[in-house]
N, C-alpha and C. Protein backbone atom coordinates (compact mmCIF):
# COMPACT_ATOMS: atom_id res chain seq x y z
N UNK A 1 37.83 55.16 30.47
CA UNK A 1 38.75 56.09 31.10
C UNK A 1 40.09 55.56 31.69
N UNK A 2 39.99 54.37 32.06
CA UNK A 2 41.27 53.67 32.44
C UNK A 2 42.05 53.40 31.30
N UNK A 3 41.39 52.85 30.31
CA UNK A 3 42.09 52.65 29.19
C UNK A 3 43.01 53.61 28.49
N UNK A 4 42.34 55.04 28.41
CA UNK A 4 43.08 56.11 27.99
C UNK A 4 44.16 56.60 28.99
N UNK A 5 43.97 56.20 30.09
CA UNK A 5 45.19 56.50 31.15
C UNK A 5 46.27 55.48 30.87
N UNK A 6 45.83 54.09 30.71
CA UNK A 6 46.84 52.90 30.33
C UNK A 6 47.84 53.75 29.19
N UNK A 7 46.98 53.91 28.10
CA UNK A 7 47.31 54.48 26.93
C UNK A 7 48.58 55.57 27.08
N UNK A 8 47.66 56.76 27.44
CA UNK A 8 48.64 57.81 27.72
C UNK A 8 49.85 57.75 28.78
N UNK A 9 49.94 56.89 29.77
CA UNK A 9 50.78 56.63 30.52
C UNK A 9 52.08 55.44 30.24
N UNK A 10 51.80 55.06 28.99
CA UNK A 10 52.57 53.75 28.35
C UNK A 10 52.49 52.62 29.40
N UNK A 11 51.51 52.45 30.03
CA UNK A 11 51.56 51.31 30.98
C UNK A 11 51.34 49.74 30.41
N UNK A 12 52.31 49.12 31.21
CA UNK A 12 52.24 47.70 30.67
C UNK A 12 51.30 46.93 31.40
N UNK A 13 51.27 45.68 30.94
CA UNK A 13 50.19 44.79 31.52
C UNK A 13 50.57 44.28 33.19
N UNK A 14 51.64 44.34 33.48
CA UNK A 14 51.86 44.18 34.81
C UNK A 14 51.63 45.43 35.85
N UNK A 15 51.63 46.52 35.33
CA UNK A 15 51.38 47.76 36.04
C UNK A 15 49.89 48.07 35.95
N UNK A 16 48.90 47.43 35.13
CA UNK A 16 47.67 47.75 34.89
C UNK A 16 47.00 46.62 36.30
N UNK A 17 47.62 45.24 36.10
CA UNK A 17 47.00 44.38 37.32
C UNK A 17 47.53 44.66 38.53
N UNK A 18 48.73 45.49 38.67
CA UNK A 18 48.81 45.66 40.18
C UNK A 18 48.05 46.85 40.90
N UNK A 19 47.25 47.65 39.83
CA UNK A 19 46.36 48.73 40.54
C UNK A 19 45.24 47.88 41.19
N UNK A 20 44.65 49.04 41.93
CA UNK A 20 43.36 48.84 42.42
C UNK A 20 42.15 49.04 41.86
N UNK A 21 41.20 48.16 41.40
CA UNK A 21 40.05 48.40 40.87
C UNK A 21 38.83 48.10 41.48
N UNK A 22 38.13 49.31 41.36
CA UNK A 22 36.82 49.19 42.38
C UNK A 22 36.00 47.96 41.68
N UNK A 23 34.91 47.58 42.61
CA UNK A 23 33.97 46.15 42.03
C UNK A 23 32.69 46.89 42.40
N UNK A 24 31.73 46.46 41.55
CA UNK A 24 31.90 45.84 40.14
C UNK A 24 31.53 47.21 39.41
N UNK A 25 32.55 47.76 38.79
CA UNK A 25 32.24 48.99 37.75
C UNK A 25 33.17 48.63 36.40
N UNK A 26 33.16 49.27 35.64
CA UNK A 26 33.95 48.97 34.35
C UNK A 26 35.36 49.04 34.57
N UNK A 27 35.90 49.60 35.44
CA UNK A 27 37.30 49.43 35.99
C UNK A 27 37.72 47.99 36.29
N UNK A 28 36.60 47.46 36.81
CA UNK A 28 36.90 45.92 37.09
C UNK A 28 37.00 45.00 35.56
N UNK A 29 35.91 45.47 34.86
CA UNK A 29 35.93 44.76 33.53
C UNK A 29 36.93 44.83 32.79
N UNK A 30 37.81 46.16 33.09
CA UNK A 30 38.80 46.40 32.30
C UNK A 30 40.04 45.51 32.99
N UNK A 31 40.10 45.48 33.91
CA UNK A 31 41.11 44.83 34.88
C UNK A 31 40.99 43.20 34.36
N UNK A 32 39.74 42.81 34.31
CA UNK A 32 39.48 41.70 33.96
C UNK A 32 40.09 40.97 32.47
N UNK A 33 39.79 42.07 31.66
CA UNK A 33 40.23 42.20 30.27
C UNK A 33 41.95 42.04 30.19
N UNK A 34 42.60 42.63 31.01
CA UNK A 34 43.92 42.67 31.01
C UNK A 34 44.47 41.40 31.64
N UNK A 35 43.78 40.98 32.67
CA UNK A 35 44.30 39.54 33.24
C UNK A 35 43.80 38.34 32.08
N UNK A 36 42.81 38.50 31.09
CA UNK A 36 42.62 37.72 30.08
C UNK A 36 43.83 37.66 29.05
N UNK A 37 44.55 38.74 29.07
CA UNK A 37 45.54 38.79 27.99
C UNK A 37 46.79 37.73 28.23
N UNK A 38 46.92 37.35 29.81
CA UNK A 38 47.70 36.58 30.28
C UNK A 38 47.30 35.09 30.46
N UNK A 39 46.03 35.12 30.48
CA UNK A 39 45.23 33.82 30.83
C UNK A 39 44.91 33.73 32.43
N UNK A 40 44.81 34.64 33.10
CA UNK A 40 44.83 34.77 34.29
C UNK A 40 43.32 35.48 34.90
N UNK A 41 42.52 35.53 33.83
CA UNK A 41 41.22 36.10 34.21
C UNK A 41 40.64 35.13 35.25
N UNK A 42 39.62 35.52 36.05
CA UNK A 42 39.07 34.63 36.93
C UNK A 42 37.39 34.20 36.60
N UNK A 43 36.65 35.55 36.06
CA UNK A 43 35.42 35.71 35.29
C UNK A 43 35.18 34.99 33.97
N UNK A 44 36.07 34.32 33.48
CA UNK A 44 35.92 33.99 32.02
C UNK A 44 35.74 32.38 32.08
N UNK A 45 34.94 31.87 31.53
CA UNK A 45 34.45 30.56 31.30
C UNK A 45 35.70 29.72 30.64
N UNK A 46 35.88 28.73 30.85
CA UNK A 46 37.08 28.05 30.28
C UNK A 46 36.77 27.59 28.74
N UNK A 47 37.41 27.31 27.92
CA UNK A 47 36.79 26.71 26.51
C UNK A 47 36.50 25.56 26.67
N UNK A 48 35.38 25.41 26.14
CA UNK A 48 34.67 24.18 25.89
C UNK A 48 35.32 23.01 25.02
N UNK A 49 35.56 21.59 26.02
CA UNK A 49 36.43 20.94 24.99
C UNK A 49 35.13 20.37 24.02
N UNK A 50 35.75 19.93 22.72
CA UNK A 50 35.02 19.45 21.78
C UNK A 50 35.09 17.85 21.96
N UNK A 51 33.89 16.97 21.83
CA UNK A 51 33.76 15.72 21.99
C UNK A 51 34.61 14.92 20.87
N UNK A 52 34.75 13.84 20.85
CA UNK A 52 35.25 13.01 19.72
C UNK A 52 34.51 13.00 18.37
N UNK A 53 32.93 12.98 18.78
CA UNK A 53 31.85 12.95 17.65
C UNK A 53 32.10 14.37 17.00
N UNK A 54 32.22 15.49 17.97
CA UNK A 54 32.15 16.65 16.93
C UNK A 54 33.51 16.77 16.08
N UNK A 55 34.59 16.39 16.61
CA UNK A 55 35.88 16.59 15.90
C UNK A 55 35.84 15.68 14.75
N UNK A 56 35.27 14.50 14.72
CA UNK A 56 34.96 13.76 13.54
C UNK A 56 34.08 14.48 12.57
N UNK A 57 32.86 15.13 13.02
CA UNK A 57 31.89 15.88 12.13
C UNK A 57 32.66 17.00 11.57
N UNK A 58 33.65 17.75 12.12
CA UNK A 58 34.28 18.74 11.79
C UNK A 58 35.12 18.16 10.44
N UNK A 59 36.14 17.22 10.61
CA UNK A 59 36.80 16.74 9.80
C UNK A 59 36.17 16.06 8.29
N UNK A 60 34.86 15.49 8.67
CA UNK A 60 34.23 15.12 7.48
C UNK A 60 33.66 16.13 6.64
N UNK A 61 33.13 17.21 7.37
CA UNK A 61 32.60 18.31 6.74
C UNK A 61 33.76 19.10 6.08
N UNK A 62 34.85 19.05 6.33
CA UNK A 62 35.97 20.00 5.76
C UNK A 62 36.49 19.06 4.90
N UNK A 63 36.75 17.56 4.76
CA UNK A 63 37.24 16.98 3.84
C UNK A 63 36.02 16.83 2.65
N UNK A 64 34.87 16.97 2.84
CA UNK A 64 34.26 16.97 1.78
C UNK A 64 34.18 18.07 1.21
N UNK A 65 33.82 19.16 1.90
CA UNK A 65 34.03 20.71 1.11
C UNK A 65 35.49 20.67 0.22
N UNK A 66 36.98 20.04 0.72
CA UNK A 66 37.59 19.89 0.08
C UNK A 66 37.42 19.21 -1.51
N UNK A 67 37.13 17.93 -1.18
CA UNK A 67 37.05 17.08 -2.02
C UNK A 67 36.07 17.75 -3.17
N UNK A 68 35.01 18.08 -2.98
CA UNK A 68 34.19 18.85 -3.62
C UNK A 68 34.93 19.91 -4.65
N UNK A 69 35.78 20.66 -4.19
CA UNK A 69 36.68 21.56 -5.03
C UNK A 69 37.35 20.90 -5.72
N UNK A 70 38.19 19.89 -5.15
CA UNK A 70 39.14 19.20 -6.05
C UNK A 70 38.21 18.70 -7.38
N UNK A 71 37.20 17.93 -7.17
CA UNK A 71 36.26 17.44 -8.29
C UNK A 71 35.97 18.60 -9.30
N UNK A 72 35.60 19.58 -8.76
CA UNK A 72 35.38 21.06 -9.64
C UNK A 72 36.49 21.13 -10.34
N UNK A 73 37.46 21.20 -9.78
CA UNK A 73 38.75 21.88 -10.47
C UNK A 73 39.04 20.93 -11.46
N UNK A 74 39.15 19.57 -11.17
CA UNK A 74 39.50 18.44 -12.04
C UNK A 74 38.37 18.55 -13.14
N UNK A 75 37.41 18.71 -13.26
CA UNK A 75 36.18 18.76 -14.21
C UNK A 75 36.39 20.00 -15.08
N UNK A 76 36.59 21.00 -14.60
CA UNK A 76 36.98 22.49 -15.03
C UNK A 76 38.35 22.33 -15.97
N UNK A 77 39.44 21.71 -15.44
CA UNK A 77 40.68 21.67 -16.08
C UNK A 77 40.62 20.66 -17.21
N UNK A 78 39.80 19.72 -17.27
CA UNK A 78 39.36 18.88 -18.31
C UNK A 78 38.61 19.42 -19.62
N UNK A 79 37.64 20.33 -19.13
CA UNK A 79 36.96 21.14 -20.25
C UNK A 79 37.92 22.33 -20.74
N UNK A 80 38.75 22.78 -19.81
CA UNK A 80 39.73 23.85 -20.43
C UNK A 80 40.51 22.97 -21.56
N UNK A 81 41.29 21.89 -21.02
CA UNK A 81 42.12 21.42 -21.54
C UNK A 81 41.63 20.95 -23.22
N UNK A 82 40.27 20.50 -23.23
CA UNK A 82 39.67 19.98 -24.26
C UNK A 82 39.55 21.08 -25.20
N UNK A 83 39.03 22.31 -24.90
CA UNK A 83 38.84 23.56 -25.43
C UNK A 83 40.24 23.88 -26.27
N UNK A 84 41.20 23.91 -25.29
CA UNK A 84 42.49 24.32 -25.61
C UNK A 84 43.04 23.68 -26.71
N UNK A 85 42.70 22.44 -26.67
CA UNK A 85 43.36 21.43 -27.77
C UNK A 85 42.96 21.38 -29.06
N UNK A 86 41.33 22.13 -28.92
CA UNK A 86 40.67 22.23 -30.29
C UNK A 86 41.22 23.62 -30.87
N UNK A 87 41.31 24.41 -30.00
CA UNK A 87 41.96 25.82 -30.67
C UNK A 87 43.28 25.66 -31.23
N UNK A 88 43.94 24.77 -30.55
CA UNK A 88 45.47 24.60 -30.88
C UNK A 88 45.46 23.82 -32.30
N UNK A 89 44.40 22.83 -32.45
CA UNK A 89 44.36 22.23 -33.54
C UNK A 89 43.75 23.03 -34.64
N UNK A 90 42.73 23.83 -34.61
CA UNK A 90 42.46 24.85 -35.69
C UNK A 90 43.45 25.63 -35.96
N UNK A 91 44.08 26.27 -35.16
CA UNK A 91 45.21 27.20 -35.37
C UNK A 91 46.51 26.52 -36.13
N UNK A 92 46.61 25.28 -35.82
CA UNK A 92 47.71 24.39 -36.58
C UNK A 92 47.28 24.15 -38.25
N UNK A 93 45.74 23.70 -38.14
CA UNK A 93 45.61 23.72 -39.66
C UNK A 93 45.59 25.07 -40.42
N UNK A 94 45.24 25.94 -39.84
CA UNK A 94 45.02 27.35 -40.71
C UNK A 94 46.61 27.72 -40.80
N UNK A 95 47.73 27.42 -40.15
CA UNK A 95 49.04 27.90 -40.50
C UNK A 95 49.53 27.12 -41.68
């Protein structure tokens, strides 16, 4: 209901946050969501900080995935190049 009113009246974030919201109802959740847009919500848990071990694990995971793709790309390129070279050689011999 409040979302529909905000849209139909072209309210901005400041206008929504200045209005009174009953406690605890859906309208309060709507107010918290609007406050969350500006980082001012008080009922939202702060983002969890990653440990150094988690950062290293993520780096290794993504670097391993990328290196696997590089190896596959290199292998497929070499195979394609060999096939392409053989086809060109056959075509040259036919001419």
